[in-house]
Amino acid sequence: MVFARVVGNVVCTRKDDKLVGTKLLMVQPVGLDDKPRGNVLVGIDAVGAGIGELVLLVQGSSARQTSKTEGTPVDCTIFAIVDTIEKDGKIVFRKIKDKMEE
C-alpha cells in the first residue's frame, strides 16, 4: 500500500471493454511529509476519490483484488480515501480539521 495525492484525471474515449465505466486518475505517491516520492501513476478509482485527496493505492496483482477491478487489466488501484493518519500517538494528517483547531 502506498500513500498518494490525486493530481489529475485521465480521459480515454476508447479503452478495453472491461474498463468501460471506470474512472482513471493520476496519482503522485507521497511520503508522510506530503513530498512526492517517485513517478506519477495512473490508477483505477474504486472509491470515488477527487483531485487533491490523499488516497491509498495498491499495485501489481493486488490492484485486481477490489470488487471493481477483479478480472480487469489494471496495475494500480485507488482503494481508500485517507481521513486521518496517526503516528507515534500524534495526528500527522487529518482530512477535515476540527472547527476548534481553526
Foldseek 3Di string as FASTA:
>chain_A
DFKWAFAAWDDDPDDDPLCPPWTKTWIFTADLVRDGDDDIDIATEPDDDDHGFIFDKAFDPVSCPDPSRPPHPGGMYTDGTDAWDDDPNRTSDHPDDDPVVD
